[in-house]
PDB file of all heavy atoms in Angstrom:
ATOM      1  N   ASP A   1       0.833  -1.210   0.000  1.00  0.00           N
ATOM      2  CA  ASP A   1       0.000   0.000   0.000  1.00  0.00           C
ATOM      3  C   ASP A   1       0.863   1.254   0.000  1.00  0.00           C
ATOM      4  O   ASP A   1       0.602   2.219  -0.737  1.00  0.00           O
ATOM      5  CB  ASP A   1      -0.908   0.016   1.236  1.00  0.00           C
ATOM      6  CG  ASP A   1      -1.967  -1.065   1.206  1.00  0.00           C
ATOM      7  OD1 ASP A   1      -2.184  -1.674   0.141  1.00  0.00           O
ATOM      8  OD2 ASP A   1      -2.576  -1.326   2.270  1.00  0.00           O
ATOM      9  N   VAL A   2       1.905   1.270   0.829  1.00  0.00           N
ATOM     10  CA  VAL A   2       2.794   2.431   0.910  1.00  0.00           C
ATOM     11  C   VAL A   2       3.569   2.605  -0.391  1.00  0.00           C
ATOM     12  O   VAL A   2       3.795   3.731  -0.853  1.00  0.00           O
ATOM     13  CB  VAL A   2       3.746   2.294   2.118  1.00  0.00           C
ATOM     14  CG1 VAL A   2       4.846   3.351   2.078  1.00  0.00           C
ATOM     15  CG2 VAL A   2       2.962   2.425   3.424  1.00  0.00           C
ATOM     16  N   VAL A   3       3.977   1.513  -1.018  1.00  0.00           N
ATOM     17  CA  VAL A   3       4.655   1.593  -2.315  1.00  0.00           C
ATOM     18  C   VAL A   3       3.779   2.331  -3.332  1.00  0.00           C
ATOM     19  O   VAL A   3       4.253   3.216  -4.070  1.00  0.00           O
ATOM     20  CB  VAL A   3       5.003   0.179  -2.839  1.00  0.00           C
ATOM     21  CG1 VAL A   3       5.395   0.233  -4.320  1.00  0.00           C
ATOM     22  CG2 VAL A   3       6.138  -0.436  -2.024  1.00  0.00           C
ATOM     23  N   VAL A   4       2.495   2.003  -3.372  1.00  0.00           N
ATOM     24  CA  VAL A   4       1.600   2.630  -4.351  1.00  0.00           C
ATOM     25  C   VAL A   4       1.343   4.096  -3.991  1.00  0.00           C
ATOM     26  O   VAL A   4       1.305   4.963  -4.878  1.00  0.00           O
ATOM     27  CB  VAL A   4       0.274   1.843  -4.462  1.00  0.00           C
ATOM     28  CG1 VAL A   4      -0.697   2.555  -5.401  1.00  0.00           C
ATOM     29  CG2 VAL A   4       0.542   0.427  -4.965  1.00  0.00           C
ATOM     30  N   LEU A   5       1.176   4.401  -2.714  1.00  0.00           N
ATOM     31  CA  LEU A   5       1.002   5.794  -2.300  1.00  0.00           C
ATOM     32  C   LEU A   5       2.221   6.636  -2.686  1.00  0.00           C
ATOM     33  O   LEU A   5       2.086   7.763  -3.178  1.00  0.00           O
ATOM     34  CB  LEU A   5       0.780   5.868  -0.790  1.00  0.00           C
ATOM     35  CG  LEU A   5      -0.587   5.412  -0.256  1.00  0.00           C
ATOM     36  CD1 LEU A   5      -0.570   5.395   1.261  1.00  0.00           C
ATOM     37  CD2 LEU A   5      -1.709   6.320  -0.759  1.00  0.00           C
ATOM     38  N   LYS A   6       3.409   6.095  -2.452  1.00  0.00           N
ATOM     39  CA  LYS A   6       4.625   6.824  -2.825  1.00  0.00           C
ATOM     40  C   LYS A   6       4.729   6.991  -4.341  1.00  0.00           C
ATOM     41  O   LYS A   6       5.226   8.022  -4.818  1.00  0.00           O
ATOM     42  CB  LYS A   6       5.863   6.086  -2.295  1.00  0.00           C
ATOM     43  CG  LYS A   6       6.077   6.215  -0.796  1.00  0.00           C
ATOM     44  CD  LYS A   6       7.372   5.522  -0.382  1.00  0.00           C
ATOM     45  CE  LYS A   6       7.690   5.755   1.068  1.00  0.00           C
ATOM     46  NZ  LYS A   6       8.956   5.105   1.474  1.00  0.00           N
ATOM     47  N   PHE A   7       4.270   6.000  -5.070  1.00  0.00           N
ATOM     48  CA  PHE A   7       4.260   6.127  -6.531  1.00  0.00           C
ATOM     49  C   PHE A   7       3.408   7.310  -6.964  1.00  0.00           C
ATOM     50  O   PHE A   7       3.815   8.095  -7.836  1.00  0.00           O
ATOM     51  CB  PHE A   7       3.737   4.839  -7.180  1.00  0.00           C
ATOM     52  CG  PHE A   7       3.301   5.036  -8.599  1.00  0.00           C
ATOM     53  CD1 PHE A   7       4.235   5.131  -9.618  1.00  0.00           C
ATOM     54  CD2 PHE A   7       1.949   5.166  -8.920  1.00  0.00           C
ATOM     55  CE1 PHE A   7       3.835   5.337 -10.936  1.00  0.00           C
ATOM     56  CE2 PHE A   7       1.546   5.371 -10.227  1.00  0.00           C
ATOM     57  CZ  PHE A   7       2.495   5.461 -11.247  1.00  0.00           C
ATOM     58  N   VAL A   8       2.225   7.443  -6.387  1.00  0.00           N
ATOM     59  CA  VAL A   8       1.347   8.567  -6.740  1.00  0.00           C
ATOM     60  C   VAL A   8       2.050   9.893  -6.481  1.00  0.00           C
ATOM     61  O   VAL A   8       2.010  10.817  -7.307  1.00  0.00           O
ATOM     62  CB  VAL A   8       0.023   8.482  -5.946  1.00  0.00           C
ATOM     63  CG1 VAL A   8      -0.807   9.751  -6.151  1.00  0.00           C
ATOM     64  CG2 VAL A   8      -0.775   7.257  -6.370  1.00  0.00           C
ATOM     65  N   HIS A   9       2.718   9.969  -5.336  1.00  0.00           N
ATOM     66  CA  HIS A   9       3.441  11.191  -4.964  1.00  0.00           C
ATOM     67  C   HIS A   9       4.553  11.488  -5.969  1.00  0.00           C
ATOM     68  O   HIS A   9       4.698  12.618  -6.448  1.00  0.00           O
ATOM     69  CB  HIS A   9       4.017  10.997  -3.551  1.00  0.00           C
ATOM     70  CG  HIS A   9       4.900  12.118  -3.108  1.00  0.00           C
ATOM     71  ND1 HIS A   9       6.161  11.914  -2.599  1.00  0.00           N
ATOM     72  CD2 HIS A   9       4.711  13.450  -3.088  1.00  0.00           C
ATOM     73  CE1 HIS A   9       6.712  13.067  -2.289  1.00  0.00           C
ATOM     74  NE2 HIS A   9       5.850  14.009  -2.569  1.00  0.00           N
ATOM     75  N   THR A  10       5.335  10.473  -6.308  1.00  0.00           N
ATOM     76  CA  THR A  10       6.449  10.670  -7.238  1.00  0.00           C
ATOM     77  C   THR A  10       5.954  11.002  -8.642  1.00  0.00           C
ATOM     78  O   THR A  10       6.418  11.959  -9.276  1.00  0.00           O
ATOM     79  CB  THR A  10       7.321   9.404  -7.290  1.00  0.00           C
ATOM     80  OG1 THR A  10       7.833   9.136  -5.976  1.00  0.00           O
ATOM     81  CG2 THR A  10       8.484   9.574  -8.259  1.00  0.00           C
ATOM     82  N   ARG A  11       4.994  10.219  -9.117  1.00  0.00           N
ATOM     83  CA  ARG A  11       4.543  10.336 -10.508  1.00  0.00           C
ATOM     84  C   ARG A  11       3.804  11.644 -10.774  1.00  0.00           C
ATOM     85  O   ARG A  11       3.988  12.268 -11.837  1.00  0.00           O
ATOM     86  CB  ARG A  11       3.618   9.141 -10.817  1.00  0.00           C
ATOM     87  CG  ARG A  11       2.978   9.144 -12.179  1.00  0.00           C
ATOM     88  CD  ARG A  11       3.986   8.788 -13.254  1.00  0.00           C
ATOM     89  NE  ARG A  11       3.318   8.662 -14.540  1.00  0.00           N
ATOM     90  CZ  ARG A  11       2.961   9.693 -15.295  1.00  0.00           C
ATOM     91  NH1 ARG A  11       3.218  10.925 -14.894  1.00  0.00           N
ATOM     92  NH2 ARG A  11       2.366   9.500 -16.454  1.00  0.00           N
ATOM     93  N   PHE A  12       2.991  12.083  -9.834  1.00  0.00           N
ATOM     94  CA  PHE A  12       2.122  13.219 -10.112  1.00  0.00           C
ATOM     95  C   PHE A  12       2.533  14.511  -9.408  1.00  0.00           C
ATOM     96  O   PHE A  12       1.886  15.537  -9.576  1.00  0.00           O
ATOM     97  CB  PHE A  12       0.678  12.865  -9.751  1.00  0.00           C
ATOM     98  CG  PHE A  12       0.149  11.729 -10.582  1.00  0.00           C
ATOM     99  CD1 PHE A  12       0.032  10.455 -10.050  1.00  0.00           C
ATOM    100  CD2 PHE A  12      -0.186  11.930 -11.907  1.00  0.00           C
ATOM    101  CE1 PHE A  12      -0.432   9.406 -10.819  1.00  0.00           C
ATOM    102  CE2 PHE A  12      -0.657  10.882 -12.685  1.00  0.00           C
ATOM    103  CZ  PHE A  12      -0.775   9.609 -12.145  1.00  0.00           C
ATOM    104  N   VAL A  13       3.632  14.458  -8.636  1.00  0.00           N
ATOM    105  CA  VAL A  13       4.132  15.671  -7.990  1.00  0.00           C
ATOM    106  C   VAL A  13       5.606  15.881  -8.329  1.00  0.00           C
ATOM    107  O   VAL A  13       5.978  16.862  -8.979  1.00  0.00           O
ATOM    108  CB  VAL A  13       3.931  15.616  -6.459  1.00  0.00           C
ATOM    109  CG1 VAL A  13       4.514  16.879  -5.817  1.00  0.00           C
ATOM    110  CG2 VAL A  13       2.461  15.476  -6.119  1.00  0.00           C
ATOM    111  N   LEU A  14       6.455  14.964  -7.893  1.00  0.00           N
ATOM    112  CA  LEU A  14       7.890  15.171  -8.020  1.00  0.00           C
ATOM    113  C   LEU A  14       8.362  15.232  -9.468  1.00  0.00           C
ATOM    114  O   LEU A  14       9.379  15.867  -9.762  1.00  0.00           O
ATOM    115  CB  LEU A  14       8.647  14.071  -7.275  1.00  0.00           C
ATOM    116  CG  LEU A  14       8.409  13.991  -5.766  1.00  0.00           C
ATOM    117  CD1 LEU A  14       9.311  12.938  -5.146  1.00  0.00           C
ATOM    118  CD2 LEU A  14       8.631  15.340  -5.094  1.00  0.00           C
ATOM    119  N   GLU A  15       7.656  14.566 -10.372  1.00  0.00           N
ATOM    120  CA  GLU A  15       8.078  14.553 -11.777  1.00  0.00           C
ATOM    121  C   GLU A  15       7.480  15.685 -12.599  1.00  0.00           C
ATOM    122  O   GLU A  15       7.711  15.762 -13.809  1.00  0.00           O
ATOM    123  CB  GLU A  15       7.712  13.203 -12.410  1.00  0.00           C
ATOM    124  CG  GLU A  15       8.479  12.033 -11.812  1.00  0.00           C
ATOM    125  CD  GLU A  15       8.110  10.700 -12.434  1.00  0.00           C
ATOM    126  OE1 GLU A  15       7.212  10.678 -13.305  1.00  0.00           O
ATOM    127  OE2 GLU A  15       8.704   9.677 -12.047  1.00  0.00           O
ATOM    128  N   ARG A  16       6.752  16.593 -11.957  1.00  0.00           N
ATOM    129  CA  ARG A  16       6.140  17.707 -12.694  1.00  0.00           C
ATOM    130  C   ARG A  16       7.212  18.676 -13.204  1.00  0.00           C
ATOM    131  O   ARG A  16       8.118  19.071 -12.463  1.00  0.00           O
ATOM    132  CB  ARG A  16       5.172  18.467 -11.791  1.00  0.00           C
ATOM    133  CG  ARG A  16       3.871  17.726 -11.491  1.00  0.00           C
ATOM    134  CD  ARG A  16       3.074  18.505 -10.455  1.00  0.00           C
ATOM    135  NE  ARG A  16       2.714  19.830 -10.934  1.00  0.00           N
ATOM    136  CZ  ARG A  16       1.518  20.170 -11.399  1.00  0.00           C
ATOM    137  NH1 ARG A  16       0.561  19.263 -11.467  1.00  0.00           N
ATOM    138  NH2 ARG A  16       1.266  21.393 -11.787  1.00  0.00           N
ATOM    139  N   PRO A  17       7.135  19.108 -14.464  1.00  0.00           N
ATOM    140  CA  PRO A  17       8.123  20.045 -15.011  1.00  0.00           C
ATOM    141  C   PRO A  17       8.154  21.387 -14.271  1.00  0.00           C
ATOM    142  O   PRO A  17       9.224  21.982 -14.125  1.00  0.00           O
ATOM    143  CB  PRO A  17       7.666  20.233 -16.466  1.00  0.00           C
ATOM    144  CG  PRO A  17       6.906  18.988 -16.784  1.00  0.00           C
ATOM    145  CD  PRO A  17       6.219  18.617 -15.502  1.00  0.00           C
ATOM    146  N   ASP A  18       6.985  21.861 -13.811  1.00  0.00           N
ATOM    147  CA  ASP A  18       6.990  23.157 -13.122  1.00  0.00           C
ATOM    148  C   ASP A  18       7.750  23.065 -11.802  1.00  0.00           C
ATOM    149  O   ASP A  18       8.492  23.988 -11.426  1.00  0.00           O
ATOM    150  CB  ASP A  18       5.569  23.675 -12.897  1.00  0.00           C
ATOM    151  CG  ASP A  18       4.630  22.643 -12.284  1.00  0.00           C
ATOM    152  OD1 ASP A  18       5.060  21.496 -12.044  1.00  0.00           O
ATOM    153  OD2 ASP A  18       3.457  22.984 -12.042  1.00  0.00           O
ATOM    154  N   LEU A  19       7.619  21.956 -11.078  1.00  0.00           N
ATOM    155  CA  LEU A  19       8.382  21.769  -9.845  1.00  0.00           C
ATOM    156  C   LEU A  19       9.864  21.634 -10.161  1.00  0.00           C
ATOM    157  O   LEU A  19      10.717  22.196  -9.460  1.00  0.00           O
ATOM    158  CB  LEU A  19       7.883  20.531  -9.095  1.00  0.00           C
ATOM    159  CG  LEU A  19       8.642  20.180  -7.808  1.00  0.00           C
ATOM    160  CD1 LEU A  19       8.561  21.315  -6.795  1.00  0.00           C
ATOM    161  CD2 LEU A  19       8.093  18.887  -7.205  1.00  0.00           C
ATOM    162  N   ALA A  20      10.190  20.913 -11.223  1.00  0.00           N
ATOM    163  CA  ALA A  20      11.588  20.735 -11.602  1.00  0.00           C
ATOM    164  C   ALA A  20      12.234  22.075 -11.947  1.00  0.00           C
ATOM    165  O   ALA A  20      13.391  22.335 -11.585  1.00  0.00           O
ATOM    166  CB  ALA A  20      11.690  19.778 -12.787  1.00  0.00           C
ATOM    167  N   THR A  21      11.494  22.942 -12.634  1.00  0.00           N
ATOM    168  CA  THR A  21      12.017  24.265 -12.982  1.00  0.00           C
ATOM    169  C   THR A  21      12.316  25.068 -11.726  1.00  0.00           C
ATOM    170  O   THR A  21      13.382  25.703 -11.605  1.00  0.00           O
ATOM    171  CB  THR A  21      10.997  25.022 -13.854  1.00  0.00           C
ATOM    172  OG1 THR A  21      10.702  24.249 -15.019  1.00  0.00           O
ATOM    173  CG2 THR A  21      11.545  26.378 -14.269  1.00  0.00           C
ATOM    174  N   TYR A  22      11.399  25.057 -10.797  1.00  0.00           N
ATOM    175  CA  TYR A  22      11.574  25.768  -9.526  1.00  0.00           C
ATOM    176  C   TYR A  22      12.791  25.228  -8.772  1.00  0.00           C
ATOM    177  O   TYR A  22      13.602  25.984  -8.223  1.00  0.00           O
ATOM    178  CB  TYR A  22      10.299  25.601  -8.706  1.00  0.00           C
ATOM    179  CG  TYR A  22      10.229  26.406  -7.434  1.00  0.00           C
ATOM    180  CD1 TYR A  22      10.238  27.791  -7.457  1.00  0.00           C
ATOM    181  CD2 TYR A  22      10.125  25.764  -6.198  1.00  0.00           C
ATOM    182  CE1 TYR A  22      10.150  28.535  -6.294  1.00  0.00           C
ATOM    183  CE2 TYR A  22      10.034  26.493  -5.022  1.00  0.00           C
ATOM    184  CZ  TYR A  22      10.055  27.873  -5.079  1.00  0.00           C
ATOM    185  OH  TYR A  22       9.980  28.599  -3.908  1.00  0.00           O
ATOM    186  N   GLN A  23      12.938  23.900  -8.755  1.00  0.00           N
ATOM    187  CA  GLN A  23      14.038  23.294  -8.022  1.00  0.00           C
ATOM    188  C   GLN A  23      15.384  23.567  -8.681  1.00  0.00           C
ATOM    189  O   GLN A  23      16.405  23.656  -7.994  1.00  0.00           O
ATOM    190  CB  GLN A  23      13.806  21.788  -7.893  1.00  0.00           C
ATOM    191  CG  GLN A  23      12.653  21.442  -6.947  1.00  0.00           C
ATOM    192  CD  GLN A  23      12.407  19.952  -6.850  1.00  0.00           C
ATOM    193  OE1 GLN A  23      12.601  19.213  -7.816  1.00  0.00           O
ATOM    194  NE2 GLN A  23      11.975  19.500  -5.688  1.00  0.00           N
ATOM    195  N   ARG A  24      15.400  23.689  -9.994  1.00  0.00           N
ATOM    196  CA  ARG A  24      16.653  24.039 -10.657  1.00  0.00           C
ATOM    197  C   ARG A  24      17.169  25.385 -10.160  1.00  0.00           C
ATOM    198  O   ARG A  24      18.368  25.561  -9.934  1.00  0.00           O
ATOM    199  CB  ARG A  24      16.439  24.101 -12.173  1.00  0.00           C
ATOM    200  CG  ARG A  24      16.120  22.783 -12.826  1.00  0.00           C
ATOM    201  CD  ARG A  24      17.336  21.910 -13.011  1.00  0.00           C
ATOM    202  NE  ARG A  24      18.300  22.472 -13.944  1.00  0.00           N
ATOM    203  CZ  ARG A  24      19.441  21.876 -14.276  1.00  0.00           C
ATOM    204  NH1 ARG A  24      19.730  20.704 -13.750  1.00  0.00           N
ATOM    205  NH2 ARG A  24      20.277  22.440 -15.138  1.00  0.00           N
ATOM    206  N   GLY A  25      16.256  26.309  -9.977  1.00  0.00           N
ATOM    207  CA  GLY A  25      16.652  27.607  -9.438  1.00  0.00           C
ATOM    208  C   GLY A  25      17.184  27.489  -8.025  1.00  0.00           C
ATOM    209  O   GLY A  25      18.164  28.153  -7.652  1.00  0.00           O
ATOM    210  N   GLN A  26      16.552  26.654  -7.199  1.00  0.00           N
ATOM    211  CA  GLN A  26      17.033  26.457  -5.839  1.00  0.00           C
ATOM    212  C   GLN A  26      18.424  25.818  -5.836  1.00  0.00           C
ATOM    213  O   GLN A  26      19.264  26.145  -4.986  1.00  0.00           O
ATOM    214  CB  GLN A  26      16.043  25.583  -5.070  1.00  0.00           C
ATOM    215  CG  GLN A  26      14.702  26.260  -4.822  1.00  0.00           C
ATOM    216  CD  GLN A  26      13.696  25.322  -4.183  1.00  0.00           C
ATOM    217  OE1 GLN A  26      13.681  24.113  -4.455  1.00  0.00           O
ATOM    218  NE2 GLN A  26      12.829  25.868  -3.345  1.00  0.00           N
ATOM    219  N   GLY A  27      18.664  24.914  -6.770  1.00  0.00           N
ATOM    220  CA  GLY A  27      19.983  24.310  -6.869  1.00  0.00           C
ATOM    221  C   GLY A  27      21.058  25.341  -7.164  1.00  0.00           C
ATOM    222  O   GLY A  27      22.169  25.275  -6.631  1.00  0.00           O
ATOM    223  N   ARG A  28      20.730  26.319  -8.000  1.00  0.00           N
ATOM    224  CA  ARG A  28      21.683  27.388  -8.316  1.00  0.00           C
ATOM    225  C   ARG A  28      22.001  28.222  -7.080  1.00  0.00           C
ATOM    226  O   ARG A  28      23.120  28.724  -6.933  1.00  0.00           O
ATOM    227  CB  ARG A  28      21.120  28.276  -9.427  1.00  0.00           C
ATOM    228  CG  ARG A  28      21.022  27.609 -10.780  1.00  0.00           C
ATOM    229  CD  ARG A  28      22.399  27.249 -11.331  1.00  0.00           C
ATOM    230  NE  ARG A  28      23.231  28.438 -11.496  1.00  0.00           N
ATOM    231  CZ  ARG A  28      23.233  29.199 -12.584  1.00  0.00           C
ATOM    232  NH1 ARG A  28      22.436  28.889 -13.615  1.00  0.00           N
ATOM    233  NH2 ARG A  28      24.030  30.250 -12.665  1.00  0.00           N
ATOM    234  N   VAL A  29      21.025  28.379  -6.204  1.00  0.00           N
ATOM    235  CA  VAL A  29      21.269  29.108  -4.960  1.00  0.00           C
ATOM    236  C   VAL A  29      22.359  28.416  -4.149  1.00  0.00           C
ATOM    237  O   VAL A  29      23.283  29.052  -3.629  1.00  0.00           O
ATOM    238  CB  VAL A  29      19.966  29.215  -4.129  1.00  0.00           C
ATOM    239  CG1 VAL A  29      20.265  29.736  -2.719  1.00  0.00           C
ATOM    240  CG2 VAL A  29      18.966  30.131  -4.826  1.00  0.00           C
ATOM    241  N   LEU A  30      22.269  27.098  -4.025  1.00  0.00           N
ATOM    242  CA  LEU A  30      23.266  26.350  -3.257  1.00  0.00           C
ATOM    243  C   LEU A  30      24.636  26.418  -3.927  1.00  0.00           C
ATOM    244  O   LEU A  30      25.669  26.506  -3.237  1.00  0.00           O
ATOM    245  CB  LEU A  30      22.819  24.899  -3.094  1.00  0.00           C
ATOM    246  CG  LEU A  30      21.557  24.697  -2.250  1.00  0.00           C
ATOM    247  CD1 LEU A  30      21.146  23.229  -2.242  1.00  0.00           C
ATOM    248  CD2 LEU A  30      21.766  25.189  -0.820  1.00  0.00           C
ATOM    249  N   GLU A  31      24.686  26.393  -5.252  1.00  0.00           N
ATOM    250  CA  GLU A  31      25.958  26.544  -5.951  1.00  0.00           C
ATOM    251  C   GLU A  31      26.581  27.900  -5.643  1.00  0.00           C
ATOM    252  O   GLU A  31      27.796  28.007  -5.418  1.00  0.00           O
ATOM    253  CB  GLU A  31      25.748  26.401  -7.455  1.00  0.00           C
ATOM    254  CG  GLU A  31      25.383  24.997  -7.919  1.00  0.00           C
ATOM    255  CD  GLU A  31      25.305  24.905  -9.431  1.00  0.00           C
ATOM    256  OE1 GLU A  31      25.957  25.725 -10.112  1.00  0.00           O
ATOM    257  OE2 GLU A  31      24.593  24.029  -9.937  1.00  0.00           O
ATOM    258  N   THR A  32      25.747  28.930  -5.639  1.00  0.00           N
ATOM    259  CA  THR A  32      26.237  30.265  -5.331  1.00  0.00           C
ATOM    260  C   THR A  32      26.836  30.320  -3.935  1.00  0.00           C
ATOM    261  O   THR A  32      27.892  30.930  -3.713  1.00  0.00           O
ATOM    262  CB  THR A  32      25.094  31.295  -5.455  1.00  0.00           C
ATOM    263  OG1 THR A  32      24.613  31.306  -6.794  1.00  0.00           O
ATOM    264  CG2 THR A  32      25.567  32.691  -5.075  1.00  0.00           C
ATOM    265  N   LEU A  33      26.176  29.675  -2.983  1.00  0.00           N
ATOM    266  CA  LEU A  33      26.669  29.684  -1.600  1.00  0.00           C
ATOM    267  C   LEU A  33      28.002  28.941  -1.484  1.00  0.00           C
ATOM    268  O   LEU A  33      28.942  29.436  -0.844  1.00  0.00           O
ATOM    269  CB  LEU A  33      25.628  29.054  -0.677  1.00  0.00           C
ATOM    270  CG  LEU A  33      24.345  29.858  -0.471  1.00  0.00           C
ATOM    271  CD1 LEU A  33      23.317  29.025   0.297  1.00  0.00           C
ATOM    272  CD2 LEU A  33      24.636  31.153   0.286  1.00  0.00           C
ATOM    273  N   VAL A  34      28.093  27.756  -2.067  1.00  0.00           N
ATOM    274  CA  VAL A  34      29.334  26.981  -1.988  1.00  0.00           C
ATOM    275  C   VAL A  34      30.481  27.740  -2.635  1.00  0.00           C
ATOM    276  O   VAL A  34      31.571  27.877  -2.052  1.00  0.00           O
ATOM    277  CB  VAL A  34      29.149  25.597  -2.645  1.00  0.00           C
ATOM    278  CG1 VAL A  34      30.494  24.904  -2.836  1.00  0.00           C
ATOM    279  CG2 VAL A  34      28.235  24.728  -1.793  1.00  0.00           C
ATOM    280  N   ASP A  35      30.256  28.243  -3.834  1.00  0.00           N
ATOM    281  CA  ASP A  35      31.317  28.961  -4.532  1.00  0.00           C
ATOM    282  C   ASP A  35      31.671  30.269  -3.827  1.00  0.00           C
ATOM    283  O   ASP A  35      32.854  30.641  -3.721  1.00  0.00           O
ATOM    284  CB  ASP A  35      30.901  29.252  -5.975  1.00  0.00           C
ATOM    285  CG  ASP A  35      30.789  27.989  -6.817  1.00  0.00           C
ATOM    286  OD1 ASP A  35      31.332  26.949  -6.396  1.00  0.00           O
ATOM    287  OD2 ASP A  35      30.145  28.041  -7.887  1.00  0.00           O
ATOM    288  N   GLY A  36      30.657  30.964  -3.335  1.00  0.00           N
ATOM    289  CA  GLY A  36      30.897  32.243  -2.671  1.00  0.00           C
ATOM    290  C   GLY A  36      31.694  32.102  -1.391  1.00  0.00           C
ATOM    291  O   GLY A  36      32.659  32.838  -1.157  1.00  0.00           O
ATOM    292  N   PHE A  37      31.321  31.156  -0.547  1.00  0.00           N
ATOM    293  CA  PHE A  37      32.053  30.966   0.714  1.00  0.00           C
ATOM    294  C   PHE A  37      33.447  30.394   0.467  1.00  0.00           C
ATOM    295  O   PHE A  37      34.404  30.740   1.168  1.00  0.00           O
ATOM    296  CB  PHE A  37      31.263  30.061   1.657  1.00  0.00           C
ATOM    297  CG  PHE A  37      30.102  30.746   2.320  1.00  0.00           C
ATOM    298  CD1 PHE A  37      28.825  30.213   2.231  1.00  0.00           C
ATOM    299  CD2 PHE A  37      30.277  31.934   3.012  1.00  0.00           C
ATOM    300  CE1 PHE A  37      27.743  30.845   2.837  1.00  0.00           C
ATOM    301  CE2 PHE A  37      29.198  32.579   3.618  1.00  0.00           C
ATOM    302  CZ  PHE A  37      27.932  32.039   3.532  1.00  0.00           C
ATOM    303  N   SER A  38      33.583  29.522  -0.526  1.00  0.00           N
ATOM    304  CA  SER A  38      34.902  28.974  -0.849  1.00  0.00           C
ATOM    305  C   SER A  38      35.855  30.086  -1.271  1.00  0.00           C
ATOM    306  O   SER A  38      37.011  30.144  -0.826  1.00  0.00           O
ATOM    307  CB  SER A  38      34.794  27.924  -1.959  1.00  0.00           C
ATOM    308  OG  SER A  38      34.039  26.818  -1.541  1.00  0.00           O
ATOM    309  N   ALA A  39      35.373  30.979  -2.148  1.00  0.00           N
ATOM    310  CA  ALA A  39      36.212  32.080  -2.614  1.00  0.00           C
ATOM    311  C   ALA A  39      36.545  33.035  -1.468  1.00  0.00           C
ATOM    312  O   ALA A  39      37.670  33.541  -1.368  1.00  0.00           O
ATOM    313  CB  ALA A  39      35.500  32.819  -3.750  1.00  0.00           C
ATOM    314  N   TRP A  40      35.582  33.284  -0.617  1.00  0.00           N
ATOM    315  CA  TRP A  40      35.795  34.187   0.515  1.00  0.00           C
ATOM    316  C   TRP A  40      36.896  33.646   1.441  1.00  0.00           C
ATOM    317  O   TRP A  40      37.828  34.362   1.821  1.00  0.00           O
ATOM    318  CB  TRP A  40      34.487  34.338   1.277  1.00  0.00           C
ATOM    319  CG  TRP A  40      34.464  35.421   2.327  1.00  0.00           C
ATOM    320  CD1 TRP A  40      35.526  36.148   2.797  1.00  0.00           C
ATOM    321  CD2 TRP A  40      33.329  35.910   3.022  1.00  0.00           C
ATOM    322  NE1 TRP A  40      35.121  37.051   3.753  1.00  0.00           N
ATOM    323  CE2 TRP A  40      33.773  36.919   3.909  1.00  0.00           C
ATOM    324  CE3 TRP A  40      31.978  35.587   2.997  1.00  0.00           C
ATOM    325  CZ2 TRP A  40      32.893  37.599   4.764  1.00  0.00           C
ATOM    326  CZ3 TRP A  40      31.099  36.264   3.833  1.00  0.00           C
ATOM    327  CH2 TRP A  40      31.553  37.257   4.707  1.00  0.00           C
TER     328      TRP A  40
END
């Protein structure tokens, strides 16, 4: 039952292109922080 519930979550939420676009931007934030503090 939990396997199928998690499938619904993954298939219809996590794989959405709009969420992926938003998360790509968040990933860039973390890159900025790592690079910025390293250089500092």
